[in-house]
Amino acid sequence: MNKNTLKVGDAIYATDRNRIINVYKVIRLTTTQAVCDGQRFRIEYGKTGWVDIIGKRSSFSTKSYHIGTPELHKRYMRQQAIDTLSFIKYNELPDEIIFSLVRILKQQS
């Protein structure tokens, strides 16, 4: 996606302390706002492109909002995969799956 355009269906990523905490899908656009499910964002097009939430917000908030890019999407997918792996109860998995995982991990290192 071009950093200086936003279209219906694009994503807005909410980050907090460098972790993606939510992804909003744009459902409607005006000249200055992007409307998502339950959230409206002010759009500012600069060098990197950023958006800001409309309405009351704490001045101490560490959240930021970014127009979706392939890099952000890849980072989000990686974060989701790592989160999924962290919640697996490995001692409940069958031996063949454990050995397959070990084999794959050894090939990558």
PDB file of N, CA and C in Angstrom:
ATOM      1  N   MET A   1       0.836  -1.193   0.000  1.00  0.00           N
ATOM      2  CA  MET A   1       0.000   0.000   0.000  1.00  0.00           C
ATOM      3  C   MET A   1       0.869   1.241   0.000  1.00  0.00           C
ATOM      4  N   ASN A   2       0.504   2.218  -0.774  1.00  0.00           N
ATOM      5  CA  ASN A   2       1.193   3.497  -0.769  1.00  0.00           C
ATOM      6  C   ASN A   2       0.979   4.153   0.591  1.00  0.00           C
ATOM      7  N   LYS A   3       2.049   4.678   1.151  1.00  0.00           N
ATOM      8  CA  LYS A   3       1.960   5.231   2.503  1.00  0.00           C
ATOM      9  C   LYS A   3       1.074   6.461   2.582  1.00  0.00           C
ATOM     10  N   ASN A   4       0.804   7.106   1.448  1.00  0.00           N
ATOM     11  CA  ASN A   4       0.034   8.343   1.471  1.00  0.00           C
ATOM     12  C   ASN A   4      -1.390   8.178   0.973  1.00  0.00           C
ATOM     13  N   THR A   5      -1.898   6.962   0.949  1.00  0.00           N
ATOM     14  CA  THR A   5      -3.295   6.748   0.574  1.00  0.00           C
ATOM     15  C   THR A   5      -3.930   5.775   1.561  1.00  0.00           C
ATOM     16  N   LEU A   6      -5.204   5.912   1.707  1.00  0.00           N
ATOM     17  CA  LEU A   6      -5.962   5.013   2.567  1.00  0.00           C
ATOM     18  C   LEU A   6      -7.258   4.728   1.850  1.00  0.00           C
ATOM     19  N   LYS A   7      -7.653   3.456   1.800  1.00  0.00           N
ATOM     20  CA  LYS A   7      -8.858   3.047   1.092  1.00  0.00           C
ATOM     21  C   LYS A   7      -9.745   2.234   2.036  1.00  0.00           C
ATOM     22  N   VAL A   8     -11.012   2.124   1.685  1.00  0.00           N
ATOM     23  CA  VAL A   8     -11.929   1.270   2.431  1.00  0.00           C
ATOM     24  C   VAL A   8     -11.391  -0.154   2.352  1.00  0.00           C
ATOM     25  N   GLY A   9     -11.359  -0.826   3.494  1.00  0.00           N
ATOM     26  CA  GLY A   9     -10.829  -2.186   3.567  1.00  0.00           C
ATOM     27  C   GLY A   9      -9.397  -2.248   4.069  1.00  0.00           C
ATOM     28  N   ASP A  10      -8.689  -1.110   4.066  1.00  0.00           N
ATOM     29  CA  ASP A  10      -7.319  -1.091   4.581  1.00  0.00           C
ATOM     30  C   ASP A  10      -7.316  -1.245   6.095  1.00  0.00           C
ATOM     31  N   ALA A  11      -6.138  -1.479   6.641  1.00  0.00           N
ATOM     32  CA  ALA A  11      -6.005  -1.721   8.080  1.00  0.00           C
ATOM     33  C   ALA A  11      -5.328  -0.537   8.767  1.00  0.00           C
ATOM     34  N   ILE A  12      -5.733  -0.300   9.999  1.00  0.00           N
ATOM     35  CA  ILE A  12      -5.060   0.644  10.892  1.00  0.00           C
ATOM     36  C   ILE A  12      -4.610  -0.176  12.088  1.00  0.00           C
ATOM     37  N   TYR A  13      -3.315  -0.139  12.375  1.00  0.00           N
ATOM     38  CA  TYR A  13      -2.728  -0.937  13.454  1.00  0.00           C
ATOM     39  C   TYR A  13      -2.549  -0.067  14.693  1.00  0.00           C
ATOM     40  N   ALA A  14      -3.060  -0.555  15.824  1.00  0.00           N
ATOM     41  CA  ALA A  14      -2.870   0.113  17.113  1.00  0.00           C
ATOM     42  C   ALA A  14      -1.697  -0.566  17.809  1.00  0.00           C
ATOM     43  N   THR A  15      -0.713   0.226  18.223  1.00  0.00           N
ATOM     44  CA  THR A  15       0.439  -0.332  18.927  1.00  0.00           C
ATOM     45  C   THR A  15       0.534   0.295  20.316  1.00  0.00           C
ATOM     46  N   ASP A  16       1.080  -0.468  21.225  1.00  0.00           N
ATOM     47  CA  ASP A  16       1.324   0.003  22.587  1.00  0.00           C
ATOM     48  C   ASP A  16       2.664  -0.583  23.024  1.00  0.00           C
ATOM     49  N   ARG A  17       3.617   0.283  23.266  1.00  0.00           N
ATOM     50  CA  ARG A  17       4.970  -0.130  23.656  1.00  0.00           C
ATOM     51  C   ARG A  17       5.549  -1.139  22.655  1.00  0.00           C
ATOM     52  N   ASN A  18       5.425  -0.812  21.385  1.00  0.00           N
ATOM     53  CA  ASN A  18       5.994  -1.586  20.276  1.00  0.00           C
ATOM     54  C   ASN A  18       5.313  -2.938  20.053  1.00  0.00           C
ATOM     55  N   ARG A  19       4.148  -3.169  20.650  1.00  0.00           N
ATOM     56  CA  ARG A  19       3.390  -4.408  20.435  1.00  0.00           C
ATOM     57  C   ARG A  19       2.067  -4.046  19.767  1.00  0.00           C
ATOM     58  N   ILE A  20       1.726  -4.759  18.710  1.00  0.00           N
ATOM     59  CA  ILE A  20       0.457  -4.515  18.025  1.00  0.00           C
ATOM     60  C   ILE A  20      -0.656  -5.099  18.889  1.00  0.00           C
ATOM     61  N   ILE A  21      -1.587  -4.232  19.299  1.00  0.00           N
ATOM     62  CA  ILE A  21      -2.635  -4.673  20.218  1.00  0.00           C
ATOM     63  C   ILE A  21      -3.995  -4.792  19.548  1.00  0.00           C
ATOM     64  N   ASN A  22      -4.156  -4.175  18.371  1.00  0.00           N
ATOM     65  CA  ASN A  22      -5.438  -4.258  17.691  1.00  0.00           C
ATOM     66  C   ASN A  22      -5.261  -3.881  16.224  1.00  0.00           C
ATOM     67  N   VAL A  23      -6.133  -4.421  15.393  1.00  0.00           N
ATOM     68  CA  VAL A  23      -6.151  -4.068  13.977  1.00  0.00           C
ATOM     69  C   VAL A  23      -7.577  -3.642  13.644  1.00  0.00           C
ATOM     70  N   TYR A  24      -7.720  -2.433  13.116  1.00  0.00           N
ATOM     71  CA  TYR A  24      -9.018  -1.905  12.726  1.00  0.00           C
ATOM     72  C   TYR A  24      -9.114  -1.924  11.204  1.00  0.00           C
ATOM     73  N   LYS A  25     -10.269  -2.305  10.689  1.00  0.00           N
ATOM     74  CA  LYS A  25     -10.515  -2.269   9.242  1.00  0.00           C
ATOM     75  C   LYS A  25     -11.319  -1.012   8.916  1.00  0.00           C
ATOM     76  N   VAL A  26     -10.868  -0.267   7.916  1.00  0.00           N
ATOM     77  CA  VAL A  26     -11.540   0.951   7.492  1.00  0.00           C
ATOM     78  C   VAL A  26     -12.833   0.568   6.765  1.00  0.00           C
ATOM     79  N   ILE A  27     -13.971   1.113   7.240  1.00  0.00           N
ATOM     80  CA  ILE A  27     -15.241   0.807   6.592  1.00  0.00           C
ATOM     81  C   ILE A  27     -15.808   2.012   5.835  1.00  0.00           C
ATOM     82  N   ARG A  28     -15.304   3.220   6.157  1.00  0.00           N
ATOM     83  CA  ARG A  28     -15.768   4.424   5.469  1.00  0.00           C
ATOM     84  C   ARG A  28     -14.699   5.490   5.582  1.00  0.00           C
ATOM     85  N   LEU A  29     -14.594   6.337   4.573  1.00  0.00           N
ATOM     86  CA  LEU A  29     -13.613   7.421   4.571  1.00  0.00           C
ATOM     87  C   LEU A  29     -14.276   8.754   4.285  1.00  0.00           C
ATOM     88  N   THR A  30     -13.772   9.799   4.941  1.00  0.00           N
ATOM     89  CA  THR A  30     -14.092  11.173   4.562  1.00  0.00           C
ATOM     90  C   THR A  30     -12.768  11.809   4.185  1.00  0.00           C
ATOM     91  N   THR A  31     -12.763  13.083   3.888  1.00  0.00           N
ATOM     92  CA  THR A  31     -11.503  13.723   3.495  1.00  0.00           C
ATOM     93  C   THR A  31     -10.512  13.809   4.644  1.00  0.00           C
ATOM     94  N   THR A  32     -10.999  13.807   5.887  1.00  0.00           N
ATOM     95  CA  THR A  32     -10.099  13.950   7.028  1.00  0.00           C
ATOM     96  C   THR A  32     -10.168  12.802   8.024  1.00  0.00           C
ATOM     97  N   GLN A  33     -11.114  11.878   7.847  1.00  0.00           N
ATOM     98  CA  GLN A  33     -11.300  10.820   8.840  1.00  0.00           C
ATOM     99  C   GLN A  33     -11.412   9.443   8.200  1.00  0.00           C
ATOM    100  N   ALA A  34     -10.980   8.450   8.966  1.00  0.00           N
ATOM    101  CA  ALA A  34     -11.213   7.051   8.621  1.00  0.00           C
ATOM    102  C   ALA A  34     -12.136   6.494   9.691  1.00  0.00           C
ATOM    103  N   VAL A  35     -13.235   5.884   9.273  1.00  0.00           N
ATOM    104  CA  VAL A  35     -14.204   5.318  10.204  1.00  0.00           C
ATOM    105  C   VAL A  35     -14.025   3.808  10.192  1.00  0.00           C
ATOM    106  N   CYS A  36     -13.824   3.249  11.385  1.00  0.00           N
ATOM    107  CA  CYS A  36     -13.665   1.805  11.557  1.00  0.00           C
ATOM    108  C   CYS A  36     -14.757   1.330  12.506  1.00  0.00           C
ATOM    109  N   ASP A  37     -14.810   0.027  12.740  1.00  0.00           N
ATOM    110  CA  ASP A  37     -15.796  -0.497  13.676  1.00  0.00           C
ATOM    111  C   ASP A  37     -15.599   0.119  15.052  1.00  0.00           C
ATOM    112  N   GLY A  38     -16.489   1.021  15.449  1.00  0.00           N
ATOM    113  CA  GLY A  38     -16.459   1.592  16.779  1.00  0.00           C
ATOM    114  C   GLY A  38     -15.368   2.621  17.025  1.00  0.00           C
ATOM    115  N   GLN A  39     -14.657   3.047  16.009  1.00  0.00           N
ATOM    116  CA  GLN A  39     -13.549   3.988  16.200  1.00  0.00           C
ATOM    117  C   GLN A  39     -13.457   4.919  14.998  1.00  0.00           C
ATOM    118  N   ARG A  40     -13.122   6.180  15.261  1.00  0.00           N
ATOM    119  CA  ARG A  40     -12.866   7.124  14.167  1.00  0.00           C
ATOM    120  C   ARG A  40     -11.453   7.652  14.334  1.00  0.00           C
ATOM    121  N   PHE A  41     -10.771   7.827  13.222  1.00  0.00           N
ATOM    122  CA  PHE A  41      -9.392   8.294  13.246  1.00  0.00           C
ATOM    123  C   PHE A  41      -9.236   9.525  12.369  1.00  0.00           C
ATOM    124  N   ARG A  42      -8.429  10.469  12.852  1.00  0.00           N
ATOM    125  CA  ARG A  42      -8.049  11.617  12.041  1.00  0.00           C
ATOM    126  C   ARG A  42      -6.880  11.171  11.174  1.00  0.00           C
ATOM    127  N   ILE A  43      -6.911  11.498   9.906  1.00  0.00           N
ATOM    128  CA  ILE A  43      -5.863  11.077   8.981  1.00  0.00           C
ATOM    129  C   ILE A  43      -4.921  12.240   8.731  1.00  0.00           C
ATOM    130  N   GLU A  44      -3.639  12.007   8.884  1.00  0.00           N
ATOM    131  CA  GLU A  44      -2.603  12.976   8.539  1.00  0.00           C
ATOM    132  C   GLU A  44      -1.635  12.284   7.596  1.00  0.00           C
ATOM    133  N   TYR A  45      -1.448  12.838   6.424  1.00  0.00           N
ATOM    134  CA  TYR A  45      -0.502  12.262   5.482  1.00  0.00           C
ATOM    135  C   TYR A  45       0.793  13.059   5.545  1.00  0.00           C
ATOM    136  N   GLY A  46       1.833  12.411   6.041  1.00  0.00           N
ATOM    137  CA  GLY A  46       3.159  13.011   6.068  1.00  0.00           C
ATOM    138  C   GLY A  46       4.112  12.080   5.365  1.00  0.00           C
ATOM    139  N   LYS A  47       5.369  12.120   5.760  1.00  0.00           N
ATOM    140  CA  LYS A  47       6.347  11.221   5.146  1.00  0.00           C
ATOM    141  C   LYS A  47       6.010   9.766   5.410  1.00  0.00           C
ATOM    142  N   THR A  48       5.600   9.439   6.630  1.00  0.00           N
ATOM    143  CA  THR A  48       5.335   8.046   6.973  1.00  0.00           C
ATOM    144  C   THR A  48       3.855   7.721   6.991  1.00  0.00           C
ATOM    145  N   GLY A  49       3.002   8.704   7.116  1.00  0.00           N
ATOM    146  CA  GLY A  49       1.569   8.454   7.194  1.00  0.00           C
ATOM    147  C   GLY A  49       1.201   7.973   8.580  1.00  0.00           C
ATOM    148  N   TRP A  50       0.358   8.677   9.259  1.00  0.00           N
ATOM    149  CA  TRP A  50      -0.070   8.243  10.577  1.00  0.00           C
ATOM    150  C   TRP A  50      -1.517   8.650  10.768  1.00  0.00           C
ATOM    151  N   VAL A  51      -2.154   8.064  11.738  1.00  0.00           N
ATOM    152  CA  VAL A  51      -3.524   8.409  12.082  1.00  0.00           C
ATOM    153  C   VAL A  51      -3.602   8.589  13.590  1.00  0.00           C
ATOM    154  N   ASP A  52      -4.595   9.328  14.030  1.00  0.00           N
ATOM    155  CA  ASP A  52      -4.780   9.536  15.465  1.00  0.00           C
ATOM    156  C   ASP A  52      -6.251   9.356  15.783  1.00  0.00           C
ATOM    157  N   ILE A  53      -6.527   8.836  16.953  1.00  0.00           N
ATOM    158  CA  ILE A  53      -7.897   8.576  17.372  1.00  0.00           C
ATOM    159  C   ILE A  53      -8.597   9.905  17.641  1.00  0.00           C
ATOM    160  N   ILE A  54      -9.879   9.956  17.330  1.00  0.00           N
ATOM    161  CA  ILE A  54     -10.674  11.159  17.564  1.00  0.00           C
ATOM    162  C   ILE A  54     -11.417  10.979  18.880  1.00  0.00           C
ATOM    163  N   GLY A  55     -11.449  12.037  19.662  1.00  0.00           N
ATOM    164  CA  GLY A  55     -12.186  11.973  20.925  1.00  0.00           C
ATOM    165  C   GLY A  55     -11.243  12.078  22.108  1.00  0.00           C
ATOM    166  N   LYS A  56     -11.789  11.817  23.285  1.00  0.00           N
ATOM    167  CA  LYS A  56     -11.035  11.962  24.514  1.00  0.00           C
ATOM    168  C   LYS A  56      -9.993  10.859  24.640  1.00  0.00           C
ATOM    169  N   ARG A  57      -8.780  11.257  24.949  1.00  0.00           N
ATOM    170  CA  ARG A  57      -7.695  10.307  25.114  1.00  0.00           C
ATOM    171  C   ARG A  57      -6.732  10.850  26.157  1.00  0.00           C
ATOM    172  N   SER A  58      -6.190   9.974  26.958  1.00  0.00           N
ATOM    173  CA  SER A  58      -5.251  10.387  27.996  1.00  0.00           C
ATOM    174  C   SER A  58      -3.974  10.916  27.368  1.00  0.00           C
ATOM    175  N   SER A  59      -3.456  11.997  27.923  1.00  0.00           N
ATOM    176  CA  SER A  59      -2.205  12.546  27.401  1.00  0.00           C
ATOM    177  C   SER A  59      -1.019  11.662  27.777  1.00  0.00           C
ATOM    178  N   PHE A  60      -1.223  10.705  28.677  1.00  0.00           N
ATOM    179  CA  PHE A  60      -0.162   9.792  29.088  1.00  0.00           C
ATOM    180  C   PHE A  60      -0.209   8.463  28.341  1.00  0.00           C
ATOM    181  N   SER A  61      -1.083   8.355  27.359  1.00  0.00           N
ATOM    182  CA  SER A  61      -1.245   7.101  26.628  1.00  0.00           C
ATOM    183  C   SER A  61       0.020   6.763  25.839  1.00  0.00           C
ATOM    184  N   THR A  62       0.367   5.487  25.825  1.00  0.00           N
ATOM    185  CA  THR A  62       1.520   5.027  25.038  1.00  0.00           C
ATOM    186  C   THR A  62       1.077   4.388  23.730  1.00  0.00           C
ATOM    187  N   LYS A  63      -0.216   4.454  23.433  1.00  0.00           N
ATOM    188  CA  LYS A  63      -0.738   3.879  22.197  1.00  0.00           C
ATOM    189  C   LYS A  63      -0.447   4.808  21.025  1.00  0.00           C
ATOM    190  N   SER A  64      -0.206   4.185  19.869  1.00  0.00           N
ATOM    191  CA  SER A  64      -0.106   4.940  18.624  1.00  0.00           C
ATOM    192  C   SER A  64      -0.811   4.147  17.545  1.00  0.00           C
ATOM    193  N   TYR A  65      -1.173   4.829  16.476  1.00  0.00           N
ATOM    194  CA  TYR A  65      -1.960   4.221  15.409  1.00  0.00           C
ATOM    195  C   TYR A  65      -1.248   4.459  14.086  1.00  0.00           C
ATOM    196  N   HIS A  66      -1.171   3.398  13.275  1.00  0.00           N
ATOM    197  CA  HIS A  66      -0.405   3.465  12.032  1.00  0.00           C
ATOM    198  C   HIS A  66      -1.212   2.912  10.869  1.00  0.00           C
ATOM    199  N   ILE A  67      -1.103   3.556   9.726  1.00  0.00           N
ATOM    200  CA  ILE A  67      -1.720   3.043   8.516  1.00  0.00           C
ATOM    201  C   ILE A  67      -0.975   1.775   8.134  1.00  0.00           C
ATOM    202  N   GLY A  68      -1.738   0.745   7.798  1.00  0.00           N
ATOM    203  CA  GLY A  68      -1.161  -0.567   7.512  1.00  0.00           C
ATOM    204  C   GLY A  68      -0.159  -0.571   6.368  1.00  0.00           C
ATOM    205  N   THR A  69       0.909  -1.325   6.557  1.00  0.00           N
ATOM    206  CA  THR A  69       1.924  -1.554   5.533  1.00  0.00           C
ATOM    207  C   THR A  69       2.211  -3.055   5.506  1.00  0.00           C
ATOM    208  N   PRO A  70       2.843  -3.550   4.458  1.00  0.00           N
ATOM    209  CA  PRO A  70       3.215  -4.967   4.445  1.00  0.00           C
ATOM    210  C   PRO A  70       4.126  -5.335   5.624  1.00  0.00           C
ATOM    211  N   GLU A  71       4.997  -4.424   6.026  1.00  0.00           N
ATOM    212  CA  GLU A  71       5.891  -4.688   7.158  1.00  0.00           C
ATOM    213  C   GLU A  71       5.106  -4.835   8.460  1.00  0.00           C
ATOM    214  N   LEU A  72       4.123  -3.965   8.671  1.00  0.00           N
ATOM    215  CA  LEU A  72       3.289  -4.068   9.883  1.00  0.00           C
ATOM    216  C   LEU A  72       2.479  -5.354   9.868  1.00  0.00           C
ATOM    217  N   HIS A  73       1.947  -5.722   8.711  1.00  0.00           N
ATOM    218  CA  HIS A  73       1.168  -6.958   8.620  1.00  0.00           C
ATOM    219  C   HIS A  73       2.049  -8.167   8.931  1.00  0.00           C
ATOM    220  N   LYS A  74       3.258  -8.176   8.396  1.00  0.00           N
ATOM    221  CA  LYS A  74       4.183  -9.293   8.658  1.00  0.00           C
ATOM    222  C   LYS A  74       4.527  -9.358  10.142  1.00  0.00           C
ATOM    223  N   ARG A  75       4.783  -8.183  10.738  1.00  0.00           N
ATOM    224  CA  ARG A  75       5.087  -8.127  12.179  1.00  0.00           C
ATOM    225  C   ARG A  75       3.918  -8.638  13.014  1.00  0.00           C
ATOM    226  N   TYR A  76       2.698  -8.267  12.618  1.00  0.00           N
ATOM    227  CA  TYR A  76       1.500  -8.717  13.334  1.00  0.00           C
ATOM    228  C   TYR A  76       1.332 -10.232  13.220  1.00  0.00           C
ATOM    229  N   MET A  77       1.523 -10.783  12.025  1.00  0.00           N
ATOM    230  CA  MET A  77       1.379 -12.226  11.824  1.00  0.00           C
ATOM    231  C   MET A  77       2.436 -12.990  12.633  1.00  0.00           C
ATOM    232  N   ARG A  78       3.662 -12.476  12.679  1.00  0.00           N
ATOM    233  CA  ARG A  78       4.724 -13.107  13.470  1.00  0.00           C
ATOM    234  C   ARG A  78       4.374 -13.069  14.963  1.00  0.00           C
ATOM    235  N   GLN A  79       3.889 -11.920  15.411  1.00  0.00           N
ATOM    236  CA  GLN A  79       3.504 -11.770  16.822  1.00  0.00           C
ATOM    237  C   GLN A  79       2.389 -12.756  17.178  1.00  0.00           C
ATOM    238  N   GLN A  80       1.396 -12.908  16.287  1.00  0.00           N
ATOM    239  CA  GLN A  80       0.303 -13.849  16.527  1.00  0.00           C
ATOM    240  C   GLN A  80       0.825 -15.287  16.592  1.00  0.00           C
ATOM    241  N   ALA A  81       1.756 -15.645  15.703  1.00  0.00           N
ATOM    242  CA  ALA A  81       2.306 -17.007  15.692  1.00  0.00           C
ATOM    243  C   ALA A  81       3.082 -17.286  16.982  1.00  0.00           C
ATOM    244  N   ILE A  82       3.887 -16.326  17.426  1.00  0.00           N
ATOM    245  CA  ILE A  82       4.654 -16.500  18.663  1.00  0.00           C
ATOM    246  C   ILE A  82       3.711 -16.618  19.855  1.00  0.00           C
ATOM    247  N   ASP A  83       2.652 -15.799  19.881  1.00  0.00           N
ATOM    248  CA  ASP A  83       1.664 -15.896  20.963  1.00  0.00           C
ATOM    249  C   ASP A  83       1.006 -17.272  20.984  1.00  0.00           C
ATOM    250  N   THR A  84       0.669 -17.784  19.805  1.00  0.00           N
ATOM    251  CA  THR A  84       0.053 -19.114  19.716  1.00  0.00           C
ATOM    252  C   THR A  84       0.996 -20.178  20.248  1.00  0.00           C
ATOM    253  N   LEU A  85       2.262 -20.097  19.848  1.00  0.00           N
ATOM    254  CA  LEU A  85       3.243 -21.082  20.326  1.00  0.00           C
ATOM    255  C   LEU A  85       3.454 -21.005  21.830  1.00  0.00           C
ATOM    256  N   SER A  86       3.331 -19.822  22.394  1.00  0.00           N
ATOM    257  CA  SER A  86       3.588 -19.678  23.824  1.00  0.00           C
ATOM    258  C   SER A  86       2.484 -20.286  24.685  1.00  0.00           C
ATOM    259  N   PHE A  87       1.300 -20.497  24.111  1.00  0.00           N
ATOM    260  CA  PHE A  87       0.193 -21.044  24.888  1.00  0.00           C
ATOM    261  C   PHE A  87      -0.019 -22.547  24.681  1.00  0.00           C
ATOM    262  N   ILE A  88       0.800 -23.168  23.847  1.00  0.00           N
ATOM    263  CA  ILE A  88       0.649 -24.600  23.598  1.00  0.00           C
ATOM    264  C   ILE A  88       1.148 -25.384  24.813  1.00  0.00           C
ATOM    265  N   LYS A  89       0.403 -26.393  25.184  1.00  0.00           N
ATOM    266  CA  LYS A  89       0.819 -27.289  26.268  1.00  0.00           C
ATOM    267  C   LYS A  89       1.597 -28.440  25.620  1.00  0.00           C
ATOM    268  N   TYR A  90       2.898 -28.244  25.514  1.00  0.00           N
ATOM    269  CA  TYR A  90       3.744 -29.183  24.769  1.00  0.00           C
ATOM    270  C   TYR A  90       3.737 -30.594  25.369  1.00  0.00           C
ATOM    271  N   ASN A  91       3.626 -30.701  26.677  1.00  0.00           N
ATOM    272  CA  ASN A  91       3.640 -32.040  27.286  1.00  0.00           C
ATOM    273  C   ASN A  91       2.359 -32.825  26.997  1.00  0.00           C
ATOM    274  N   GLU A  92       1.349 -32.185  26.408  1.00  0.00           N
ATOM    275  CA  GLU A  92       0.128 -32.885  26.029  1.00  0.00           C
ATOM    276  C   GLU A  92       0.123 -33.292  24.549  1.00  0.00           C
ATOM    277  N   LEU A  93       1.140 -32.857  23.796  1.00  0.00           N
ATOM    278  CA  LEU A  93       1.201 -33.189  22.367  1.00  0.00           C
ATOM    279  C   LEU A  93       1.738 -34.602  22.166  1.00  0.00           C
ATOM    280  N   PRO A  94       1.319 -35.274  21.097  1.00  0.00           N
ATOM    281  CA  PRO A  94       1.868 -36.597  20.794  1.00  0.00           C
ATOM    282  C   PRO A  94       3.364 -36.499  20.453  1.00  0.00           C
ATOM    283  N   ASP A  95       4.077 -37.592  20.705  1.00  0.00           N
ATOM    284  CA  ASP A  95       5.522 -37.610  20.479  1.00  0.00           C
ATOM    285  C   ASP A  95       5.899 -37.254  19.049  1.00  0.00           C
ATOM    286  N   GLU A  96       5.157 -37.755  18.061  1.00  0.00           N
ATOM    287  CA  GLU A  96       5.535 -37.497  16.668  1.00  0.00           C
ATOM    288  C   GLU A  96       5.474 -36.007  16.321  1.00  0.00           C
ATOM    289  N   ILE A  97       4.549 -35.275  16.918  1.00  0.00           N
ATOM    290  CA  ILE A  97       4.477 -33.823  16.683  1.00  0.00           C
ATOM    291  C   ILE A  97       5.664 -33.128  17.347  1.00  0.00           C
ATOM    292  N   ILE A  98       5.994 -33.504  18.572  1.00  0.00           N
ATOM    293  CA  ILE A  98       7.149 -32.929  19.274  1.00  0.00           C
ATOM    294  C   ILE A  98       8.419 -33.165  18.471  1.00  0.00           C
ATOM    295  N   PHE A  99       8.628 -34.403  17.998  1.00  0.00           N
ATOM    296  CA  PHE A  99       9.837 -34.717  17.241  1.00  0.00           C
ATOM    297  C   PHE A  99       9.865 -33.967  15.910  1.00  0.00           C
ATOM    298  N   SER A 100       8.707 -33.784  15.294  1.00  0.00           N
ATOM    299  CA  SER A 100       8.642 -33.015  14.047  1.00  0.00           C
ATOM    300  C   SER A 100       9.015 -31.552  14.284  1.00  0.00           C
ATOM    301  N   LEU A 101       8.496 -30.981  15.363  1.00  0.00           N
ATOM    302  CA  LEU A 101       8.837 -29.601  15.707  1.00  0.00           C
ATOM    303  C   LEU A 101      10.336 -29.443  15.959  1.00  0.00           C
ATOM    304  N   VAL A 102      10.908 -30.368  16.699  1.00  0.00           N
ATOM    305  CA  VAL A 102      12.345 -30.311  16.994  1.00  0.00           C
ATOM    306  C   VAL A 102      13.145 -30.408  15.706  1.00  0.00           C
ATOM    307  N   ARG A 103      12.744 -31.287  14.819  1.00  0.00           N
ATOM    308  CA  ARG A 103      13.445 -31.458  13.537  1.00  0.00           C
ATOM    309  C   ARG A 103      13.402 -30.151  12.708  1.00  0.00           C
ATOM    310  N   ILE A 104      12.232 -29.536  12.656  1.00  0.00           N
ATOM    311  CA  ILE A 104      12.069 -28.266  11.907  1.00  0.00           C
ATOM    312  C   ILE A 104      12.931 -27.180  12.529  1.00  0.00           C
ATOM    313  N   LEU A 105      12.909 -27.070  13.852  1.00  0.00           N
ATOM    314  CA  LEU A 105      13.683 -26.026  14.534  1.00  0.00           C
ATOM    315  C   LEU A 105      15.181 -26.235  14.363  1.00  0.00           C
ATOM    316  N   LYS A 106      15.627 -27.470  14.368  1.00  0.00           N
ATOM    317  CA  LYS A 106      17.053 -27.741  14.168  1.00  0.00           C
ATOM    318  C   LYS A 106      17.497 -27.377  12.769  1.00  0.00           C
ATOM    319  N   GLN A 107      16.624 -27.553  11.784  1.00  0.00           N
ATOM    320  CA  GLN A 107      16.955 -27.198  10.407  1.00  0.00           C
ATOM    321  C   GLN A 107      17.110 -25.694  10.245  1.00  0.00           C
ATOM    322  N   GLN A 108      16.391 -24.914  11.041  1.00  0.00           N
ATOM    323  CA  GLN A 108      16.426 -23.452  10.926  1.00  0.00           C
ATOM    324  C   GLN A 108      17.585 -22.823  11.683  1.00  0.00           C
ATOM    325  N   SER A 109      18.223 -23.565  12.575  1.00  0.00           N
ATOM    326  CA  SER A 109      19.298 -22.947  13.374  1.00  0.00           C
ATOM    327  C   SER A 109      20.667 -23.338  12.893  1.00  0.00           C
TER     328      SER A 109
END
